[in-house]
Amino acid sequence: MTKISKTEILRMLSSNLEYFFPDLRDHFLCPICLTAIPLHKKERISEAHVIPKAAGGELKTYLCDKCNSLFGRKQDKWFGEHLKLINKKVATIFATDIKDGHFWIDDIRVNGTWKIEQNNEFAFYIHKDRNPPSINKLMKEKYGSRPPQINLKVSIPILKHRKIVEMGFLTAGYLMWFGALGYSWVLQSHLDQIREQILNPEKNILKTRFIAYCNGVRWKPWFGLITITGEIMLTMGLENCMVFFQPADRPQVYSKLGNDFSGYIGTDIRPLQFWTRPYYGPPVSAMFGERTLVMPDASFDTSLLIIIYFTSTSNEAQILSAVSKEKIEQLEKTPGVVKVRPDFTPRLKEWDIKKSG
């Protein structure tokens, strides 16, 4: 597949954005913080890895430089560390690359490093130049000759950042759906809470579980649908995790899921693929039967809307577009034509778009 340049993708995204906000012609809208940036200032628009580059991620998207910098300091660091760890030959928590620069010997804190040798034995190194003289003296007096037994204790930093790891999965899932549907995905007001959580990974904004760990699987990145407790959810799978997003017609569905997904994961999963290359054209909606899964609630010309339609009997999407009233009347008389009536109409929202000069 021919590589698409940054300039070309930003032009495509700008054209996609213009269907919703004609006054933002030649602008890029950050999908996370919703800041509009003129294309001629593309140095403030960063190419970002959906999955951290340090963990082998190849999928890319675009963010404002502030959001990309924020994720690099927070989500990417610990999310990437988690992905590297679970893909090691021996995926023990002690094999993490990020370690504190200290450990404890018989409850005495000592500055130093430790690692697992090839024979799976632990090796500890005391850095005398990083310890105060009192500690070096104590170590010499107490352990000058090898003691028969000592107690060693280490701390594992990634265990303190499991929440940030989960926010990394949430961010990756959100950006994968953005990569597929462009601003038709972003401009759904029920995702405001998702964006707020992504921007504030240490806070507990989403009060219920949005992630499930799946034993015995190692997925390459994918996105699609899953049915949990009778509810259809949009999802993203990566490695041993899935994250869930509310459909447009059930924005409060998180509260119905509970915290135990063990009986549902793997029972009804449907991976989806919309296009073979990025598509950022007219507004799109995604439907499953009569359910509306994705529908932007920004104002746009509905005659341009493209509907990606899925049925319960096929994984292949059907692409539907608007037709005239006369054509509808003709189709209703055609044998075998099934009428689908969506049970959801979005309420249009006045979007607060921040313009960056």
Protein backbone atom coordinates (compact mmCIF):
# COMPACT_ATOMS: atom_id res chain seq x y z
CA MET A 1 0.00 0.00 0.00
CA THR A 2 1.30 3.49 -0.92
CA LYS A 3 2.28 5.51 2.11
CA ILE A 4 0.15 8.59 2.63
CA SER A 5 2.05 11.73 3.57
CA LYS A 6 1.32 13.85 6.62
CA THR A 7 0.22 16.72 4.38
CA GLU A 8 -2.23 14.51 2.51
CA ILE A 9 -3.77 13.01 5.66
CA LEU A 10 -4.14 16.45 7.27
CA ARG A 11 -5.84 17.69 4.12
CA MET A 12 -8.23 14.73 4.25
CA LEU A 13 -9.00 15.36 7.90
CA SER A 14 -9.52 19.05 7.22
CA SER A 15 -12.00 18.25 4.45
CA ASN A 16 -13.79 15.83 6.78
CA LEU A 17 -13.98 18.53 9.49
CA GLU A 18 -15.39 21.08 7.04
CA TYR A 19 -18.59 19.05 6.61
CA PHE A 20 -19.37 19.84 10.26
CA PHE A 21 -17.73 23.26 10.66
CA PRO A 22 -17.48 25.14 7.34
CA ASP A 23 -15.72 28.02 9.11
CA LEU A 24 -12.84 25.67 9.99
CA ARG A 25 -11.69 25.27 6.42
CA ASP A 26 -7.99 24.36 6.28
CA HIS A 27 -7.90 23.43 9.97
CA PHE A 28 -7.00 20.32 11.92
CA LEU A 29 -9.04 19.49 15.03
CA CYS A 30 -7.20 17.59 17.76
CA PRO A 31 -9.41 14.54 18.44
CA ILE A 32 -8.66 14.67 22.17
CA CYS A 33 -8.73 18.30 23.36
CA LEU A 34 -10.82 19.63 20.40
CA THR A 35 -8.43 22.47 19.62
CA ALA A 36 -8.53 23.68 16.00
CA ILE A 37 -5.12 24.42 14.47
CA PRO A 38 -4.59 26.03 11.04
CA LEU A 39 -2.91 23.66 8.59
CA HIS A 40 -0.22 26.21 7.82
CA LYS A 41 0.96 25.71 11.42
CA LYS A 42 1.41 21.98 10.99
CA GLU A 43 4.54 22.06 13.18
CA ARG A 44 2.04 22.20 16.06
CA ILE A 45 0.39 19.02 14.80
CA SER A 46 2.29 15.90 15.84
CA GLU A 47 2.38 12.45 14.31
CA ALA A 48 1.59 10.17 17.24
CA HIS A 49 1.84 6.43 17.75
CA VAL A 50 -1.49 4.86 18.74
CA ILE A 51 0.56 2.15 20.43
CA PRO A 52 3.89 3.38 21.89
CA LYS A 53 6.80 3.14 19.49
CA ALA A 54 8.99 1.70 22.25
CA ALA A 55 6.61 -1.28 22.38
CA GLY A 56 6.75 -1.85 18.62
CA GLY A 57 3.66 0.15 17.72
CA GLU A 58 3.27 0.99 14.03
CA LEU A 59 -0.24 2.49 13.91
CA LYS A 60 -0.09 6.27 13.76
CA THR A 61 -2.47 9.18 14.03
CA TYR A 62 -2.28 12.94 14.54
CA LEU A 63 -2.70 15.02 17.70
CA CYS A 64 -1.87 18.54 18.76
CA ASP A 65 1.64 18.79 20.14
CA LYS A 66 0.36 19.41 23.70
CA CYS A 67 -1.72 16.22 23.82
CA ASN A 68 1.06 14.19 22.24
CA SER A 69 3.53 15.49 24.82
CA LEU A 70 1.10 14.72 27.65
CA PHE A 71 0.64 11.12 26.51
CA GLY A 72 4.37 10.66 26.11
CA ARG A 73 4.92 11.61 29.75
CA LYS A 74 2.00 9.65 31.17
CA GLN A 75 0.10 6.99 29.20
CA ASP A 76 2.85 6.01 26.77
CA LYS A 77 5.51 5.46 29.42
CA TRP A 78 3.60 2.90 31.47
CA PHE A 79 1.39 1.56 28.66
CA GLY A 80 4.50 0.89 26.60
CA GLU A 81 6.24 -0.72 29.57
CA HIS A 82 3.25 -3.06 30.08
CA LEU A 83 3.23 -4.09 26.42
CA LYS A 84 6.97 -4.74 26.41
CA LEU A 85 6.72 -6.75 29.61
CA ILE A 86 3.96 -9.12 28.51
CA ASN A 87 5.80 -9.82 25.27
CA LYS A 88 9.04 -10.90 26.91
CA LYS A 89 9.98 -14.58 26.81
CA VAL A 90 9.56 -14.77 30.56
CA ALA A 91 6.74 -12.35 31.32
CA THR A 92 7.37 -12.03 35.04
CA ILE A 93 6.71 -8.72 36.76
CA PHE A 94 10.37 -8.68 37.82
CA ALA A 95 11.43 -8.41 34.15
CA THR A 96 10.14 -4.85 33.84
CA ASP A 97 12.67 -2.42 32.39
CA ILE A 98 11.66 0.53 34.59
CA LYS A 99 12.92 0.02 38.12
CA ASP A 100 13.36 2.18 41.19
CA GLY A 101 16.99 3.04 41.90
CA HIS A 102 16.96 1.38 45.28
CA PHE A 103 16.09 -1.78 47.22
CA TRP A 104 16.00 -2.88 50.84
CA ILE A 105 18.43 -5.16 52.70
CA ASP A 106 16.92 -6.27 56.02
CA ASP A 107 14.67 -3.17 55.89
CA ILE A 108 17.63 -0.86 55.24
CA ARG A 109 17.08 1.21 52.10
CA VAL A 110 20.09 1.11 49.81
CA ASN A 111 20.57 2.98 46.53
CA GLY A 112 21.50 0.60 43.76
CA THR A 113 20.21 -1.54 40.91
CA TRP A 114 19.08 -5.11 40.41
CA LYS A 115 18.29 -7.40 37.54
CA ILE A 116 17.46 -10.98 36.60
CA GLU A 117 20.42 -12.85 35.12
CA GLN A 118 20.15 -15.32 32.24
CA ASN A 119 20.05 -18.20 34.73
CA ASN A 120 16.97 -16.51 36.32
CA GLU A 121 18.89 -15.61 39.47
CA PHE A 122 18.67 -12.09 40.92
CA ALA A 123 21.73 -9.88 40.97
CA PHE A 124 21.90 -6.81 43.24
CA TYR A 125 24.43 -3.98 42.92
CA ILE A 126 25.05 -1.37 45.63
CA HIS A 127 26.17 2.01 44.26
CA LYS A 128 28.48 3.41 46.92
CA ASP A 129 28.67 6.82 45.24
CA ARG A 130 24.89 7.19 45.51
CA ASN A 131 24.64 6.23 49.17
CA PRO A 132 25.46 8.45 52.16
CA PRO A 133 28.61 7.52 54.13
CA SER A 134 26.47 6.28 57.02
CA ILE A 135 24.82 3.63 54.79
CA ASN A 136 28.13 2.53 53.28
CA LYS A 137 29.60 2.21 56.78
CA LEU A 138 26.58 0.23 58.01
CA MET A 139 26.76 -2.11 55.02
CA LYS A 140 30.46 -2.76 55.66
CA GLU A 141 29.99 -3.36 59.37
CA LYS A 142 26.93 -5.54 59.04
CA TYR A 143 27.70 -7.41 55.85
CA GLY A 144 31.47 -7.19 55.53
CA SER A 145 31.64 -10.95 55.59
CA ARG A 146 28.85 -12.72 53.72
CA PRO A 147 25.99 -13.31 56.20
CA PRO A 148 24.26 -16.67 56.27
CA GLN A 149 20.96 -15.07 55.29
CA ILE A 150 19.60 -11.66 54.39
CA ASN A 151 16.15 -10.41 53.41
CA LEU A 152 15.94 -8.44 50.18
CA LYS A 153 12.94 -6.39 49.09
CA VAL A 154 12.29 -4.49 45.86
CA SER A 155 9.50 -2.25 44.66
CA ILE A 156 7.98 -2.61 41.16
CA PRO A 157 7.03 0.85 39.82
CA ILE A 158 4.62 -0.41 37.15
CA LEU A 159 2.40 -1.91 39.85
CA LYS A 160 1.78 1.61 41.14
CA HIS A 161 0.73 2.73 37.66
CA ARG A 162 -1.77 0.08 36.60
CA LYS A 163 -4.44 2.72 36.26
CA ILE A 164 -2.24 4.67 33.82
CA VAL A 165 -1.71 1.44 31.85
CA GLU A 166 -5.48 1.06 31.53
CA MET A 167 -5.73 4.68 30.39
CA GLY A 168 -3.18 3.79 27.70
CA PHE A 169 -5.49 1.07 26.40
CA LEU A 170 -8.45 3.48 26.52
CA THR A 171 -6.50 6.13 24.59
CA ALA A 172 -5.35 3.60 21.97
CA GLY A 173 -8.91 2.33 21.46
CA TYR A 174 -10.34 5.83 21.09
CA LEU A 175 -7.66 6.77 18.54
CA MET A 176 -8.14 3.55 16.56
CA TRP A 177 -11.83 4.39 16.11
CA PHE A 178 -10.84 7.95 15.15
CA GLY A 179 -8.49 6.46 12.55
CA ALA A 180 -11.40 4.53 11.05
CA LEU A 181 -14.20 7.10 11.17
CA GLY A 182 -12.51 10.49 11.50
CA TYR A 183 -14.52 13.30 13.03
CA SER A 184 -17.76 11.34 12.74
CA TRP A 185 -16.37 9.39 15.71
CA VAL A 186 -14.98 12.37 17.60
CA LEU A 187 -18.06 14.59 17.31
CA GLN A 188 -20.25 12.47 19.55
CA SER A 189 -20.96 14.30 22.78
CA HIS A 190 -21.34 11.09 24.81
CA LEU A 191 -17.58 10.63 24.32
CA ASP A 192 -16.82 13.87 26.19
CA GLN A 193 -16.32 11.87 29.37
CA ILE A 194 -13.90 9.54 27.57
CA ARG A 195 -11.85 12.50 26.38
CA GLU A 196 -11.84 14.03 29.86
CA GLN A 197 -10.60 10.73 31.30
CA ILE A 198 -7.86 10.47 28.68
CA LEU A 199 -6.67 14.00 29.46
CA ASN A 200 -6.69 13.30 33.21
CA PRO A 201 -5.41 9.73 33.54
CA GLU A 202 -4.83 9.92 37.29
CA LYS A 203 -8.43 10.91 38.03
CA ASN A 204 -11.37 8.56 38.41
CA ILE A 205 -13.75 10.15 35.91
CA LEU A 206 -15.25 6.95 34.48
CA LYS A 207 -16.83 5.46 37.57
CA THR A 208 -17.33 1.96 36.12
CA ARG A 209 -15.11 -0.59 34.40
CA PHE A 210 -14.33 -0.06 30.73
CA ILE A 211 -11.60 -2.70 30.32
CA ALA A 212 -11.38 -6.49 30.52
CA TYR A 213 -8.24 -8.65 30.74
CA CYS A 214 -8.45 -11.80 28.66
CA ASN A 215 -6.35 -14.80 29.65
CA GLY A 216 -4.72 -16.93 27.00
CA VAL A 217 -4.89 -14.44 24.10
CA ARG A 218 -2.39 -12.16 22.41
CA TRP A 219 -4.25 -9.97 19.92
CA LYS A 220 -2.83 -7.75 17.27
CA PRO A 221 -4.72 -4.43 17.30
CA TRP A 222 -8.33 -4.76 16.16
CA PHE A 223 -11.64 -3.05 16.75
CA GLY A 224 -15.22 -4.14 16.39
CA LEU A 225 -18.32 -5.10 18.38
CA ILE A 226 -18.98 -7.26 21.42
CA THR A 227 -22.18 -8.22 23.21
CA ILE A 228 -22.01 -8.08 27.02
CA THR A 229 -25.05 -8.78 29.21
CA GLY A 230 -27.23 -8.27 26.16
CA GLU A 231 -25.69 -4.89 25.31
CA ILE A 232 -23.80 -4.24 22.08
CA MET A 233 -20.59 -2.33 22.76
CA LEU A 234 -17.92 -0.90 20.49
CA THR A 235 -14.56 -2.35 21.44
CA MET A 236 -10.84 -2.44 20.76
CA GLY A 237 -8.66 -5.45 21.42
CA LEU A 238 -4.89 -5.42 21.90
CA GLU A 239 -2.64 -8.09 23.37
CA ASN A 240 -4.55 -9.42 26.40
CA CYS A 241 -7.05 -6.58 26.86
CA MET A 242 -10.29 -5.21 25.49
CA VAL A 243 -11.71 -1.74 26.11
CA PHE A 244 -15.36 -0.85 25.62
CA PHE A 245 -17.04 2.28 24.29
CA GLN A 246 -20.70 3.25 24.57
CA PRO A 247 -22.80 3.18 21.39
CA ALA A 248 -24.47 6.43 20.40
CA ASP A 249 -27.95 5.16 21.25
CA ARG A 250 -26.97 3.82 24.70
CA PRO A 251 -24.66 6.48 26.18
CA GLN A 252 -25.34 5.35 29.77
CA VAL A 253 -24.56 1.69 29.13
CA TYR A 254 -21.39 1.64 31.27
CA SER A 255 -23.54 1.64 34.39
CA LYS A 256 -25.20 -1.62 33.28
CA LEU A 257 -22.03 -3.61 32.67
CA GLY A 258 -20.85 -4.26 36.22
CA ASN A 259 -17.25 -5.22 36.90
CA ASP A 260 -17.10 -8.91 36.01
CA PHE A 261 -16.82 -9.71 32.31
CA SER A 262 -15.47 -13.24 32.73
CA GLY A 263 -18.61 -14.93 31.40
CA TYR A 264 -18.86 -12.80 28.28
CA ILE A 265 -15.43 -12.17 26.81
CA GLY A 266 -14.95 -14.30 23.73
CA THR A 267 -18.60 -15.36 23.43
CA ASP A 268 -19.78 -12.80 20.86
CA ILE A 269 -16.95 -10.79 19.33
CA ARG A 270 -17.14 -9.32 15.84
CA PRO A 271 -13.99 -7.67 14.43
CA LEU A 272 -14.77 -4.98 11.85
CA GLN A 273 -12.89 -3.34 9.03
CA PHE A 274 -14.43 -0.35 7.33
CA TRP A 275 -11.86 0.64 4.72
CA THR A 276 -8.49 -0.58 3.44
CA ARG A 277 -7.00 2.92 3.81
CA PRO A 278 -7.94 6.01 5.83
CA TYR A 279 -11.28 7.47 4.77
CA TYR A 280 -12.08 10.99 5.85
CA GLY A 281 -14.92 12.00 3.56
CA PRO A 282 -18.57 12.92 4.23
CA PRO A 283 -20.11 12.20 7.67
CA VAL A 284 -20.70 8.54 8.49
CA SER A 285 -22.90 6.60 10.87
CA ALA A 286 -22.53 2.95 11.88
CA MET A 287 -25.61 0.77 12.42
CA PHE A 288 -26.17 -2.83 13.53
CA GLY A 289 -29.71 -3.84 12.60
CA GLU A 290 -31.89 -1.07 14.00
CA ARG A 291 -29.23 -0.04 16.53
CA THR A 292 -27.26 3.18 15.96
CA LEU A 293 -23.71 2.62 17.17
CA VAL A 294 -21.99 5.73 15.83
CA MET A 295 -23.72 8.99 14.93
CA PRO A 296 -22.18 12.47 15.13
CA ASP A 297 -24.34 15.04 16.91
CA ALA A 298 -22.74 18.08 15.32
CA SER A 299 -24.77 19.82 12.64
CA PHE A 300 -24.21 18.67 9.04
CA ASP A 301 -26.09 18.15 5.78
CA THR A 302 -27.82 14.81 6.42
CA SER A 303 -28.29 14.22 2.68
CA LEU A 304 -24.52 13.55 2.59
CA LEU A 305 -24.58 10.97 5.40
CA ILE A 306 -23.10 7.57 4.61
CA ILE A 307 -24.35 4.67 6.75
CA ILE A 308 -22.12 1.67 7.42
CA TYR A 309 -24.66 -1.06 8.01
CA PHE A 310 -24.09 -4.46 9.62
CA THR A 311 -26.53 -7.32 10.05
CA SER A 312 -26.53 -10.13 12.60
CA THR A 313 -25.86 -12.69 9.84
CA SER A 314 -22.84 -11.15 8.12
CA ASN A 315 -19.55 -9.51 9.06
CA GLU A 316 -19.46 -7.61 5.78
CA ALA A 317 -20.55 -3.99 5.92
CA GLN A 318 -23.06 -2.56 3.51
CA ILE A 319 -22.60 1.08 2.53
CA LEU A 320 -25.87 3.01 2.37
CA SER A 321 -26.37 6.56 1.13
CA ALA A 322 -29.32 8.91 0.87
CA VAL A 323 -31.78 8.56 -2.01
CA SER A 324 -34.75 10.61 -3.18
CA LYS A 325 -38.28 10.17 -1.83
CA GLU A 326 -39.33 8.76 -5.19
CA LYS A 327 -36.55 6.17 -5.03
CA ILE A 328 -37.65 5.15 -1.52
CA GLU A 329 -41.22 4.63 -2.71
CA GLN A 330 -39.92 2.52 -5.58
CA LEU A 331 -37.74 0.39 -3.29
CA GLU A 332 -40.62 -0.22 -0.86
CA LYS A 333 -42.48 -1.97 -3.69
CA THR A 334 -39.49 -4.14 -4.60
CA PRO A 335 -39.66 -7.79 -3.38
CA GLY A 336 -36.98 -8.73 -0.85
CA VAL A 337 -36.21 -5.18 0.24
CA VAL A 338 -36.15 -4.88 4.02
CA LYS A 339 -37.01 -1.57 5.69
CA VAL A 340 -34.87 -0.72 8.71
CA ARG A 341 -36.11 2.03 10.99
CA PRO A 342 -33.49 3.35 13.45
CA ASP A 343 -34.80 3.83 16.97
CA PHE A 344 -32.44 6.73 17.70
CA THR A 345 -32.26 10.38 16.69
CA PRO A 346 -29.33 12.39 18.06
CA ARG A 347 -29.79 15.73 19.74
CA LEU A 348 -27.57 18.23 18.02
CA LYS A 349 -25.01 19.89 20.28
CA GLU A 350 -23.37 23.28 20.16
CA TRP A 351 -19.72 22.27 20.14
CA ASP A 352 -17.15 24.33 22.00
CA ILE A 353 -14.22 24.30 19.60
CA LYS A 354 -11.10 26.08 20.81
CA LYS A 355 -9.27 27.92 18.03
CA SER A 356 -5.51 28.13 18.17
CA GLY A 357 -4.20 31.12 16.30
